Structure formats: C-alpha cells, structure tokens
C-alpha cells in the first residue's frame, strides 16, 4: 500500500512531473481541442474538462499556455 508521498515520488520518477501537473496537462489538451472544435463557452468547457469554472480555467490556461483561451481560439480555429 502506498501513501500519497510514495505515489507522488514513483509517479514523478516514471512520468517526470507530479500527478497534479500531469492531470492539468491532460485536461488542457482537451480544453485546446474543445476551443478549436466547438463554440462552447469557457464555463461549459471547464465543466467538461474538470475545472472549477471558466474563470479558473482561463487563469490556469493563460499561466501555462501563455495565451488566453479566447486568443487561442481566434488563432487556431479553422
């Protein structure tokens, strides 16, 4: 049986990032897809991707991606 510290250490050794950062990156991959392929607003996308709300998603997205979700959508939408 693993405690949370052991799990985090083993996960980081195998994957290279901690579990929370990994999960955030997986979620942001889905957010990027939804921004490009749908017209859903940020609150709907946040709900679909496991973020608290559109405001929190927007802050997290901008911090990690260095671009706001709306700008990302404008640049990458076909």
C-alpha atoms as a PDB file:
ATOM      1  CA  UNK A   1       0.000   0.000   0.000  1.00  0.00           C
ATOM      2  CA  UNK A   2       1.344   3.440  -0.979  1.00  0.00           C
ATOM      3  CA  UNK A   3       0.893   6.688   0.857  1.00  0.00           C
ATOM      4  CA  UNK A   4       0.493   9.890  -1.157  1.00  0.00           C
ATOM      5  CA  UNK A   5       4.171  10.855  -0.861  1.00  0.00           C
ATOM      6  CA  UNK A   6       5.332   7.473  -2.150  1.00  0.00           C
ATOM      7  CA  UNK A   7       2.853   7.593  -5.019  1.00  0.00           C
ATOM      8  CA  UNK A   8       3.966  11.092  -5.978  1.00  0.00           C
ATOM      9  CA  UNK A   9       7.649  10.094  -5.866  1.00  0.00           C
ATOM     10  CA  UNK A  10       7.068   6.994  -8.004  1.00  0.00           C
ATOM     11  CA  UNK A  11       4.864   8.869 -10.448  1.00  0.00           C
ATOM     12  CA  UNK A  12       7.434  11.641 -10.849  1.00  0.00           C
ATOM     13  CA  UNK A  13      10.198   9.084 -11.392  1.00  0.00           C
ATOM     14  CA  UNK A  14       8.223   7.399 -14.186  1.00  0.00           C
ATOM     15  CA  UNK A  15       6.492  10.370 -15.830  1.00  0.00           C
ATOM     16  CA  UNK A  16       8.724  13.321 -14.943  1.00  0.00           C
ATOM     17  CA  UNK A  17       6.049  15.552 -13.410  1.00  0.00           C
ATOM     18  CA  UNK A  18       3.854  15.317 -10.337  1.00  0.00           C
ATOM     19  CA  UNK A  19       0.362  13.796 -10.699  1.00  0.00           C
ATOM     20  CA  UNK A  20      -1.473  17.134 -10.389  1.00  0.00           C
ATOM     21  CA  UNK A  21       0.601  18.804 -13.114  1.00  0.00           C
ATOM     22  CA  UNK A  22       0.141  15.759 -15.339  1.00  0.00           C
ATOM     23  CA  UNK A  23      -3.628  15.809 -14.848  1.00  0.00           C
ATOM     24  CA  UNK A  24      -3.704  19.547 -15.573  1.00  0.00           C
ATOM     25  CA  UNK A  25      -1.824  18.997 -18.850  1.00  0.00           C
ATOM     26  CA  UNK A  26      -4.230  16.217 -19.876  1.00  0.00           C
ATOM     27  CA  UNK A  27      -7.172  18.478 -19.107  1.00  0.00           C
ATOM     28  CA  UNK A  28      -5.637  21.397 -21.009  1.00  0.00           C
ATOM     29  CA  UNK A  29      -5.136  19.167 -24.055  1.00  0.00           C
ATOM     30  CA  UNK A  30      -8.891  18.547 -24.060  1.00  0.00           C
ATOM     31  CA  UNK A  31      -9.584  22.260 -23.478  1.00  0.00           C
ATOM     32  CA  UNK A  32      -7.493  23.149 -26.544  1.00  0.00           C
ATOM     33  CA  UNK A  33      -9.414  20.639 -28.643  1.00  0.00           C
ATOM     34  CA  UNK A  34     -12.773  21.969 -27.448  1.00  0.00           C
ATOM     35  CA  UNK A  35     -11.741  25.592 -28.035  1.00  0.00           C
ATOM     36  CA  UNK A  36     -10.901  24.730 -31.630  1.00  0.00           C
ATOM     37  CA  UNK A  37     -13.711  22.294 -32.449  1.00  0.00           C
ATOM     38  CA  UNK A  38     -16.697  23.738 -30.563  1.00  0.00           C
ATOM     39  CA  UNK A  39     -18.380  27.053 -29.854  1.00  0.00           C
ATOM     40  CA  UNK A  40     -18.845  26.136 -26.173  1.00  0.00           C
ATOM     41  CA  UNK A  41     -18.167  28.938 -23.720  1.00  0.00           C
ATOM     42  CA  UNK A  42     -15.493  28.617 -21.042  1.00  0.00           C
ATOM     43  CA  UNK A  43     -17.900  27.591 -18.294  1.00  0.00           C
ATOM     44  CA  UNK A  44     -19.140  24.658 -20.384  1.00  0.00           C
ATOM     45  CA  UNK A  45     -15.601  23.682 -21.378  1.00  0.00           C
ATOM     46  CA  UNK A  46     -14.452  23.960 -17.757  1.00  0.00           C
ATOM     47  CA  UNK A  47     -17.219  21.623 -16.659  1.00  0.00           C
ATOM     48  CA  UNK A  48     -16.404  19.110 -19.404  1.00  0.00           C
ATOM     49  CA  UNK A  49     -12.691  19.147 -18.536  1.00  0.00           C
ATOM     50  CA  UNK A  50     -12.828  19.033 -14.746  1.00  0.00           C
ATOM     51  CA  UNK A  51     -12.025  22.651 -13.889  1.00  0.00           C
ATOM     52  CA  UNK A  52     -13.941  24.542 -11.188  1.00  0.00           C
ATOM     53  CA  UNK A  53     -15.319  27.192 -13.535  1.00  0.00           C
ATOM     54  CA  UNK A  54     -14.495  29.223 -16.625  1.00  0.00           C
ATOM     55  CA  UNK A  55     -12.668  31.913 -14.668  1.00  0.00           C
ATOM     56  CA  UNK A  56     -10.307  29.415 -13.027  1.00  0.00           C
ATOM     57  CA  UNK A  57      -9.798  27.640 -16.351  1.00  0.00           C
ATOM     58  CA  UNK A  58      -8.943  30.914 -18.045  1.00  0.00           C
ATOM     59  CA  UNK A  59      -6.337  31.803 -15.389  1.00  0.00           C
ATOM     60  CA  UNK A  60      -4.757  28.334 -15.495  1.00  0.00           C
ATOM     61  CA  UNK A  61      -4.777  28.220 -19.304  1.00  0.00           C
ATOM     62  CA  UNK A  62      -3.118  31.637 -19.618  1.00  0.00           C
ATOM     63  CA  UNK A  63      -0.492  30.818 -16.989  1.00  0.00           C
ATOM     64  CA  UNK A  64       0.542  27.554 -18.638  1.00  0.00           C
ATOM     65  CA  UNK A  65      -0.075  28.295 -22.323  1.00  0.00           C
ATOM     66  CA  UNK A  66       0.988  31.978 -22.274  1.00  0.00           C
ATOM     67  CA  UNK A  67      -2.119  32.889 -24.271  1.00  0.00           C
ATOM     68  CA  UNK A  68      -5.712  33.439 -23.193  1.00  0.00           C
ATOM     69  CA  UNK A  69      -8.333  30.865 -24.222  1.00  0.00           C
ATOM     70  CA  UNK A  70     -10.116  33.433 -26.388  1.00  0.00           C
ATOM     71  CA  UNK A  71      -6.908  34.385 -28.199  1.00  0.00           C
ATOM     72  CA  UNK A  72      -6.049  30.700 -28.627  1.00  0.00           C
ATOM     73  CA  UNK A  73      -9.459  30.089 -30.158  1.00  0.00           C
ATOM     74  CA  UNK A  74      -9.034  33.019 -32.571  1.00  0.00           C
ATOM     75  CA  UNK A  75      -5.569  31.912 -33.676  1.00  0.00           C
ATOM     76  CA  UNK A  76      -6.179  28.170 -34.062  1.00  0.00           C
ATOM     77  CA  UNK A  77      -9.818  27.927 -35.104  1.00  0.00           C
ATOM     78  CA  UNK A  78     -10.341  26.953 -38.709  1.00  0.00           C
END
